[in-house]
Amino acid sequence: MNFRGRNKVTPEFSMSSMTDIVFLLLIFFMIASTLVSAEAIDLLLPKSSSKTTQVKNISVSVNKKHQYFVDMKMVPKSQLEETILTAMQGSSTSSITIRSDQDVEMKHVVFIMDIANRNRIKSTLAVKSTQ
């Protein structure tokens, strides 16, 4: 009498499914890392129930350290107006979006708005939607 079974279980571990998961995670992190912007300005925008619908033309930002940025490039306060005007030369519509940290004093935002009003440039204040 032969009591041995025909199906013998082998104690081997297949790594193919493990390598598939590792490669999927690798691809995910490679794609996700390209979406992270290293040149982002750290701002907490003020909150509002309305939304900004105007298309952004030129962005002027002020951070907590009272540093001014025109389209992600840091600009000294004394050269801000000159930099905005040179950036506006190639655009068809004259409008800027003012982005300031919620803790920045209002005088810094008014300084940018004053530059816009003197040069007849429309200005929009960017806010974070509460909805």
N, C-alpha and C. Protein backbone atom coordinates (compact mmCIF):
# COMPACT_ATOMS: atom_id res chain seq x y z
N MET A 1 0.82 -1.18 0.00
CA MET A 1 0.00 0.00 0.00
C MET A 1 0.87 1.25 0.00
N ASN A 2 0.51 2.11 -0.88
CA ASN A 2 1.26 3.36 -1.03
C ASN A 2 0.40 4.50 -0.48
N PHE A 3 0.79 5.02 0.71
CA PHE A 3 0.01 6.08 1.35
C PHE A 3 0.53 7.48 1.05
N ARG A 4 1.56 7.61 0.28
CA ARG A 4 2.09 8.93 -0.05
C ARG A 4 1.15 9.65 -1.01
N GLY A 5 0.98 10.95 -0.76
CA GLY A 5 0.13 11.73 -1.64
C GLY A 5 0.87 12.18 -2.89
N ARG A 6 0.11 12.47 -3.89
CA ARG A 6 0.72 12.91 -5.15
C ARG A 6 1.14 14.38 -5.09
N ASN A 7 0.40 15.20 -4.36
CA ASN A 7 0.72 16.64 -4.29
C ASN A 7 1.63 16.88 -3.09
N LYS A 8 2.80 17.27 -3.41
CA LYS A 8 3.76 17.55 -2.35
C LYS A 8 3.96 19.06 -2.24
N VAL A 9 3.82 19.61 -1.06
CA VAL A 9 3.97 21.05 -0.84
C VAL A 9 5.45 21.34 -0.65
N THR A 10 5.94 22.29 -1.43
CA THR A 10 7.34 22.68 -1.30
C THR A 10 7.42 23.93 -0.46
N PRO A 11 8.34 23.99 0.47
CA PRO A 11 8.45 25.17 1.36
C PRO A 11 9.26 26.31 0.72
N GLU A 12 8.92 26.73 -0.49
CA GLU A 12 9.63 27.81 -1.18
C GLU A 12 8.77 29.08 -1.11
N PHE A 13 9.42 30.22 -1.09
CA PHE A 13 8.74 31.51 -1.01
C PHE A 13 8.94 32.23 -2.33
N SER A 14 7.85 32.66 -2.94
CA SER A 14 7.91 33.35 -4.22
C SER A 14 8.06 34.85 -3.98
N MET A 15 9.11 35.42 -4.53
CA MET A 15 9.37 36.85 -4.33
C MET A 15 8.74 37.72 -5.43
N SER A 16 8.08 37.15 -6.40
CA SER A 16 7.57 37.93 -7.52
C SER A 16 6.50 38.94 -7.09
N SER A 17 5.61 38.55 -6.22
CA SER A 17 4.58 39.50 -5.78
C SER A 17 5.18 40.60 -4.90
N MET A 18 6.19 40.25 -4.12
CA MET A 18 6.85 41.25 -3.28
C MET A 18 7.59 42.29 -4.14
N THR A 19 8.24 41.84 -5.19
CA THR A 19 8.96 42.78 -6.07
C THR A 19 7.98 43.67 -6.82
N ASP A 20 6.81 43.15 -7.18
CA ASP A 20 5.81 43.99 -7.84
C ASP A 20 5.38 45.13 -6.93
N ILE A 21 5.14 44.83 -5.67
CA ILE A 21 4.72 45.86 -4.71
C ILE A 21 5.83 46.89 -4.50
N VAL A 22 7.06 46.44 -4.40
CA VAL A 22 8.18 47.35 -4.21
C VAL A 22 8.34 48.28 -5.40
N PHE A 23 8.21 47.76 -6.61
CA PHE A 23 8.32 48.61 -7.79
C PHE A 23 7.16 49.60 -7.90
N LEU A 24 5.96 49.20 -7.52
CA LEU A 24 4.84 50.13 -7.53
C LEU A 24 5.05 51.26 -6.52
N LEU A 25 5.56 50.93 -5.34
CA LEU A 25 5.86 51.97 -4.36
C LEU A 25 6.97 52.89 -4.84
N LEU A 26 7.97 52.33 -5.48
CA LEU A 26 9.06 53.14 -6.02
C LEU A 26 8.55 54.13 -7.06
N ILE A 27 7.71 53.67 -7.96
CA ILE A 27 7.15 54.55 -8.99
C ILE A 27 6.28 55.63 -8.34
N PHE A 28 5.48 55.25 -7.35
CA PHE A 28 4.63 56.23 -6.68
C PHE A 28 5.46 57.34 -6.04
N PHE A 29 6.50 56.98 -5.30
CA PHE A 29 7.30 58.00 -4.63
C PHE A 29 8.12 58.83 -5.61
N MET A 30 8.52 58.25 -6.73
CA MET A 30 9.23 59.04 -7.74
C MET A 30 8.31 60.10 -8.34
N ILE A 31 7.07 59.73 -8.62
CA ILE A 31 6.11 60.69 -9.18
C ILE A 31 5.73 61.73 -8.13
N ALA A 32 5.50 61.30 -6.91
CA ALA A 32 5.10 62.22 -5.84
C ALA A 32 6.21 63.21 -5.51
N SER A 33 7.46 62.80 -5.60
CA SER A 33 8.56 63.70 -5.28
C SER A 33 8.73 64.79 -6.33
N THR A 34 8.31 64.55 -7.56
CA THR A 34 8.41 65.60 -8.58
C THR A 34 7.35 66.67 -8.38
N LEU A 35 6.28 66.36 -7.67
CA LEU A 35 5.21 67.34 -7.44
C LEU A 35 5.53 68.30 -6.31
N VAL A 36 6.50 67.99 -5.50
CA VAL A 36 6.87 68.85 -4.39
C VAL A 36 7.72 70.00 -4.93
N SER A 37 7.31 71.21 -4.64
CA SER A 37 8.03 72.39 -5.12
C SER A 37 9.00 72.87 -4.05
N ALA A 38 10.26 72.94 -4.40
CA ALA A 38 11.28 73.37 -3.44
C ALA A 38 11.31 74.89 -3.31
N GLU A 39 10.74 75.59 -4.29
CA GLU A 39 10.81 77.04 -4.29
C GLU A 39 9.54 77.69 -3.75
N ALA A 40 8.73 76.97 -3.03
CA ALA A 40 7.48 77.50 -2.52
C ALA A 40 7.73 78.50 -1.40
N ILE A 41 6.91 79.52 -1.36
CA ILE A 41 6.98 80.53 -0.31
C ILE A 41 5.99 80.11 0.76
N ASP A 42 6.42 80.03 2.00
CA ASP A 42 5.59 79.57 3.10
C ASP A 42 4.67 80.70 3.56
N LEU A 43 3.40 80.64 3.13
CA LEU A 43 2.41 81.66 3.49
C LEU A 43 1.15 80.99 4.00
N LEU A 44 0.55 81.56 5.02
CA LEU A 44 -0.78 81.18 5.46
C LEU A 44 -1.72 82.32 5.07
N LEU A 45 -2.49 82.09 4.01
CA LEU A 45 -3.36 83.14 3.50
C LEU A 45 -4.52 83.40 4.45
N PRO A 46 -5.00 84.65 4.50
CA PRO A 46 -6.19 84.93 5.30
C PRO A 46 -7.39 84.19 4.73
N LYS A 47 -8.40 83.95 5.56
CA LYS A 47 -9.57 83.18 5.13
C LYS A 47 -10.70 84.11 4.72
N SER A 48 -11.49 83.65 3.74
CA SER A 48 -12.64 84.40 3.27
C SER A 48 -13.66 83.43 2.73
N SER A 49 -14.94 83.82 2.77
CA SER A 49 -15.99 82.96 2.24
C SER A 49 -16.14 83.11 0.74
N SER A 50 -15.58 84.18 0.15
CA SER A 50 -15.65 84.36 -1.30
C SER A 50 -14.42 83.75 -1.96
N LYS A 51 -14.53 83.54 -3.25
CA LYS A 51 -13.43 82.94 -3.99
C LYS A 51 -12.86 83.96 -4.98
N THR A 52 -11.56 83.85 -5.25
CA THR A 52 -10.92 84.68 -6.25
C THR A 52 -11.14 84.05 -7.61
N THR A 53 -11.77 84.77 -8.52
CA THR A 53 -12.07 84.21 -9.84
C THR A 53 -11.17 84.77 -10.93
N GLN A 54 -10.41 85.79 -10.63
CA GLN A 54 -9.55 86.41 -11.62
C GLN A 54 -8.34 85.52 -11.90
N VAL A 55 -7.97 85.44 -13.17
CA VAL A 55 -6.81 84.65 -13.55
C VAL A 55 -5.56 85.39 -13.12
N LYS A 56 -4.66 84.68 -12.48
CA LYS A 56 -3.44 85.31 -11.95
C LYS A 56 -2.53 85.70 -13.10
N ASN A 57 -2.10 86.93 -13.08
CA ASN A 57 -1.16 87.41 -14.08
C ASN A 57 0.24 87.47 -13.48
N ILE A 58 0.42 88.29 -12.47
CA ILE A 58 1.69 88.40 -11.76
C ILE A 58 1.40 88.29 -10.27
N SER A 59 2.18 87.49 -9.58
CA SER A 59 1.98 87.28 -8.16
C SER A 59 3.01 88.07 -7.36
N VAL A 60 2.54 88.88 -6.42
CA VAL A 60 3.42 89.62 -5.51
C VAL A 60 3.12 89.10 -4.11
N SER A 61 4.15 88.57 -3.42
CA SER A 61 3.96 87.93 -2.13
C SER A 61 4.78 88.62 -1.05
N VAL A 62 4.26 88.55 0.20
CA VAL A 62 4.97 89.05 1.38
C VAL A 62 4.90 87.94 2.42
N ASN A 63 6.04 87.54 2.97
CA ASN A 63 6.02 86.49 4.00
C ASN A 63 6.15 87.10 5.39
N LYS A 64 6.25 86.25 6.42
CA LYS A 64 6.31 86.71 7.81
C LYS A 64 7.54 87.55 8.10
N LYS A 65 8.60 87.32 7.35
CA LYS A 65 9.85 88.06 7.57
C LYS A 65 9.88 89.38 6.79
N HIS A 66 8.74 89.75 6.23
CA HIS A 66 8.58 90.99 5.46
C HIS A 66 9.50 91.01 4.24
N GLN A 67 9.65 89.86 3.62
CA GLN A 67 10.40 89.75 2.37
C GLN A 67 9.40 89.77 1.22
N TYR A 68 9.72 90.49 0.17
CA TYR A 68 8.82 90.64 -0.98
C TYR A 68 9.28 89.72 -2.10
N PHE A 69 8.30 89.11 -2.80
CA PHE A 69 8.57 88.21 -3.90
C PHE A 69 7.69 88.60 -5.08
N VAL A 70 8.27 88.63 -6.27
CA VAL A 70 7.51 88.83 -7.50
C VAL A 70 7.69 87.56 -8.31
N ASP A 71 6.59 86.82 -8.49
CA ASP A 71 6.61 85.53 -9.17
C ASP A 71 7.72 84.63 -8.65
N MET A 72 7.75 84.41 -7.34
CA MET A 72 8.65 83.49 -6.65
C MET A 72 10.11 83.96 -6.58
N LYS A 73 10.41 85.16 -7.06
CA LYS A 73 11.77 85.69 -6.99
C LYS A 73 11.81 86.78 -5.93
N MET A 74 12.75 86.65 -4.98
CA MET A 74 12.84 87.64 -3.91
C MET A 74 13.36 88.96 -4.45
N VAL A 75 12.69 90.05 -4.04
CA VAL A 75 13.01 91.39 -4.52
C VAL A 75 13.13 92.31 -3.31
N PRO A 76 14.15 93.16 -3.27
CA PRO A 76 14.23 94.14 -2.17
C PRO A 76 13.05 95.13 -2.26
N LYS A 77 12.65 95.64 -1.12
CA LYS A 77 11.50 96.56 -1.06
C LYS A 77 11.74 97.80 -1.92
N SER A 78 12.96 98.27 -1.98
CA SER A 78 13.26 99.47 -2.76
C SER A 78 13.12 99.25 -4.27
N GLN A 79 13.24 98.02 -4.73
CA GLN A 79 13.17 97.73 -6.16
C GLN A 79 11.86 97.05 -6.55
N LEU A 80 10.89 97.00 -5.65
CA LEU A 80 9.64 96.28 -5.90
C LEU A 80 8.85 96.90 -7.05
N GLU A 81 8.68 98.21 -7.03
CA GLU A 81 7.90 98.86 -8.09
C GLU A 81 8.55 98.66 -9.45
N GLU A 82 9.83 98.82 -9.52
CA GLU A 82 10.57 98.65 -10.78
C GLU A 82 10.43 97.22 -11.30
N THR A 83 10.51 96.25 -10.41
CA THR A 83 10.40 94.85 -10.81
C THR A 83 8.99 94.52 -11.29
N ILE A 84 7.98 95.06 -10.62
CA ILE A 84 6.59 94.82 -11.05
C ILE A 84 6.36 95.41 -12.43
N LEU A 85 6.85 96.61 -12.66
CA LEU A 85 6.65 97.25 -13.96
C LEU A 85 7.35 96.51 -15.09
N THR A 86 8.56 96.01 -14.83
CA THR A 86 9.25 95.25 -15.89
C THR A 86 8.55 93.91 -16.14
N ALA A 87 7.96 93.32 -15.11
CA ALA A 87 7.24 92.06 -15.30
C ALA A 87 5.92 92.29 -16.04
N MET A 88 5.35 93.49 -15.91
CA MET A 88 4.08 93.79 -16.56
C MET A 88 4.23 94.16 -18.03
N GLN A 89 5.42 94.44 -18.48
CA GLN A 89 5.61 94.91 -19.86
C GLN A 89 5.13 93.92 -20.91
N GLY A 90 5.37 92.64 -20.72
CA GLY A 90 5.00 91.66 -21.73
C GLY A 90 3.58 91.14 -21.62
N SER A 91 2.81 91.57 -20.63
CA SER A 91 1.47 91.02 -20.44
C SER A 91 0.41 91.88 -21.15
N SER A 92 -0.68 91.22 -21.54
CA SER A 92 -1.75 91.93 -22.24
C SER A 92 -2.67 92.67 -21.26
N THR A 93 -2.93 92.09 -20.10
CA THR A 93 -3.76 92.76 -19.09
C THR A 93 -2.88 93.14 -17.91
N SER A 94 -3.18 94.27 -17.32
CA SER A 94 -2.36 94.73 -16.20
C SER A 94 -3.08 94.45 -14.88
N SER A 95 -2.73 93.32 -14.28
CA SER A 95 -3.30 92.97 -12.98
C SER A 95 -2.29 92.13 -12.21
N ILE A 96 -2.32 92.31 -10.87
CA ILE A 96 -1.44 91.53 -10.00
C ILE A 96 -2.27 90.88 -8.92
N THR A 97 -1.78 89.77 -8.41
CA THR A 97 -2.40 89.09 -7.28
C THR A 97 -1.49 89.26 -6.08
N ILE A 98 -2.02 89.84 -5.02
CA ILE A 98 -1.23 90.07 -3.81
C ILE A 98 -1.46 88.92 -2.85
N ARG A 99 -0.39 88.25 -2.48
CA ARG A 99 -0.45 87.13 -1.54
C ARG A 99 0.36 87.51 -0.32
N SER A 100 -0.28 87.56 0.83
CA SER A 100 0.46 87.89 2.05
C SER A 100 0.10 86.89 3.14
N ASP A 101 1.04 86.67 4.03
CA ASP A 101 0.80 85.80 5.18
C ASP A 101 -0.25 86.47 6.06
N GLN A 102 -1.05 85.66 6.75
CA GLN A 102 -2.11 86.23 7.58
C GLN A 102 -1.57 87.03 8.76
N ASP A 103 -0.32 86.81 9.14
CA ASP A 103 0.27 87.54 10.26
C ASP A 103 1.02 88.80 9.85
N VAL A 104 1.10 89.07 8.56
CA VAL A 104 1.81 90.26 8.08
C VAL A 104 0.97 91.49 8.35
N GLU A 105 1.63 92.55 8.81
CA GLU A 105 0.93 93.80 9.09
C GLU A 105 0.35 94.36 7.79
N MET A 106 -0.76 95.05 7.91
CA MET A 106 -1.48 95.55 6.75
C MET A 106 -0.69 96.61 5.98
N LYS A 107 0.25 97.29 6.64
CA LYS A 107 1.00 98.34 5.96
C LYS A 107 1.84 97.79 4.80
N HIS A 108 2.25 96.52 4.90
CA HIS A 108 3.03 95.92 3.81
C HIS A 108 2.14 95.61 2.61
N VAL A 109 0.91 95.21 2.86
CA VAL A 109 -0.04 94.97 1.78
C VAL A 109 -0.45 96.29 1.13
N VAL A 110 -0.67 97.30 1.95
CA VAL A 110 -1.04 98.62 1.43
C VAL A 110 0.09 99.21 0.60
N PHE A 111 1.33 98.92 0.96
CA PHE A 111 2.48 99.38 0.18
C PHE A 111 2.42 98.82 -1.24
N ILE A 112 2.08 97.54 -1.37
CA ILE A 112 1.96 96.92 -2.70
C ILE A 112 0.77 97.49 -3.45
N MET A 113 -0.35 97.68 -2.74
CA MET A 113 -1.54 98.25 -3.37
C MET A 113 -1.30 99.68 -3.84
N ASP A 114 -0.51 100.42 -3.09
CA ASP A 114 -0.17 101.79 -3.48
C ASP A 114 0.65 101.80 -4.77
N ILE A 115 1.57 100.88 -4.89
CA ILE A 115 2.36 100.76 -6.14
C ILE A 115 1.42 100.45 -7.30
N ALA A 116 0.47 99.54 -7.09
CA ALA A 116 -0.47 99.18 -8.15
C ALA A 116 -1.36 100.36 -8.54
N ASN A 117 -1.85 101.10 -7.55
CA ASN A 117 -2.72 102.24 -7.85
C ASN A 117 -1.97 103.36 -8.57
N ARG A 118 -0.73 103.62 -8.18
CA ARG A 118 0.07 104.66 -8.84
C ARG A 118 0.30 104.35 -10.31
N ASN A 119 0.43 103.07 -10.63
CA ASN A 119 0.72 102.67 -12.00
C ASN A 119 -0.50 102.14 -12.74
N ARG A 120 -1.69 102.35 -12.16
CA ARG A 120 -2.96 101.95 -12.76
C ARG A 120 -3.00 100.46 -13.09
N ILE A 121 -2.61 99.68 -12.11
CA ILE A 121 -2.62 98.22 -12.23
C ILE A 121 -3.70 97.70 -11.30
N LYS A 122 -4.53 96.80 -11.81
CA LYS A 122 -5.57 96.19 -10.98
C LYS A 122 -4.90 95.23 -10.00
N SER A 123 -5.38 95.23 -8.77
CA SER A 123 -4.80 94.34 -7.76
C SER A 123 -5.90 93.50 -7.12
N THR A 124 -5.56 92.24 -6.87
CA THR A 124 -6.47 91.30 -6.23
C THR A 124 -5.76 90.69 -5.04
N LEU A 125 -6.45 90.60 -3.92
CA LEU A 125 -5.88 90.02 -2.71
C LEU A 125 -6.27 88.54 -2.67
N ALA A 126 -5.26 87.67 -2.62
CA ALA A 126 -5.52 86.22 -2.56
C ALA A 126 -5.86 85.82 -1.14
N VAL A 127 -6.92 85.02 -1.00
CA VAL A 127 -7.34 84.51 0.30
C VAL A 127 -7.56 83.01 0.21
N LYS A 128 -7.59 82.37 1.36
CA LYS A 128 -7.85 80.93 1.43
C LYS A 128 -9.35 80.75 1.66
N SER A 129 -9.98 79.94 0.85
CA SER A 129 -11.43 79.72 0.95
C SER A 129 -11.76 78.91 2.21
N THR A 130 -12.83 79.31 2.91
CA THR A 130 -13.24 78.60 4.12
C THR A 130 -14.21 77.47 3.82
N GLN A 131 -14.60 77.31 2.58
CA GLN A 131 -15.58 76.28 2.22
C GLN A 131 -14.93 74.95 1.98
